[in-house]
Amino acid sequence: MKYRKLGASDLNVSEISLGSWLTYGVGVEKESATACLNRAFELGINLIDTANVYGRGAAETFLGEALAGRKRDSYVLATKVFFPMSDSDKGLSRAQIEKQLDASLKRLKTDFVDLYQCHRYDTATPLDETMEALTSAVKSGKTRYIGFSEWSPKNIEDAIALPKVERFVSSQPQYSLLWRQPEAKVIPLCAKNGISQIVWSPLAQGVLTGKYDPDAPPPPGSRATSEAMGNFIGRWMTKPVLQAVQKLKPLAKEAGLTLGQFALAWVLREPNVASAIVGASRPSQLDENAAASGAKVDPALFAKAETILAQALPPL
């Protein structure tokens, strides 16, 4: 496993990280989830990403129990705040950040998280209030660093412009061969300001593993067939996209990788990406994904893949 520095922080994070969205505490049984977490550590994965809203606290509760026996400095723990935890508990107000951070720490059974992230931008709360609350969270020692997820370039610029507040070190956008939107503005802006990307859905919910046959129903047990985990995969489950993905397999083979490893290596070709978050319901999935770390691929193969997919995707 290779490691990269996370923005302007002193954190070194594994190029492949383990996420818990739609999986732990929700769509994956506890025994399987624990096996995945244990295997992640064996493979050198040190960044564990979660959020308070994942299973309305269930993912954090699982991780708190599963991580209890491990040295706190042996892993990097990241969680998030924004989405509703109840009818009245939501957003990025000072009161909510204080309340939700304390609740997350209690569920995670820890005194601090390494990274506390704004899960989205809160248009209902003044940005200076949010940033001052996050700054207080760092000063209190409850989080070491702060980040954001899916903020617009203007949101990011406005935060950077505020004086005397804590600086963001991470951005968590969706980014993959099938979703390249951050390349236009977010990645260049962040690279200039000491902010790294920790990307989610680098395999497009598993579509970029090539396991979905364009001429057959999704295989039983796959994310596309899961009521708990398949809500977000629909945009990629079109015949043109699935056909194009199948055309990438010879390119991956030429690189000496599986298609999933090829897709992860493509994300990691970007220097501003510190880590690619993967989900796993079986330890074997992590074995395959972790092998993408440090992979050397001819840029010409990536260029061919980009061209093939661009022809199948609708314009943004």
Foldseek 3Di string as FASTA:
>chain_A
DDWDDQFPDNDTFAQEAAECALHALHPFDLVLVLQQVVLCVVLPGAEYEYECPRNVNRRLLSQLVSCVVDDPVRHAYEYEFADDSDPPAGHQALVNVVVRLVVSCVSNVHQAHAEYEHAEHGPVYPPVRNQQSVQVCCVVVRYVAYYYEPYDLVSQVVNVPDPPGGHHREYEYADWLQDHVCVPHVLVVQVVPRYAYAYECHCLQVLQLLQDDLVDDRDPPGQCPDPSRNPRNVLQNHSLNSVLSVVLQVLQVVLVAGSLLVGSLLVVVDVRHRYYYDYDNHNVVVVRNSVSPPRDHDVVSVVVSSVSNVVSDDDD
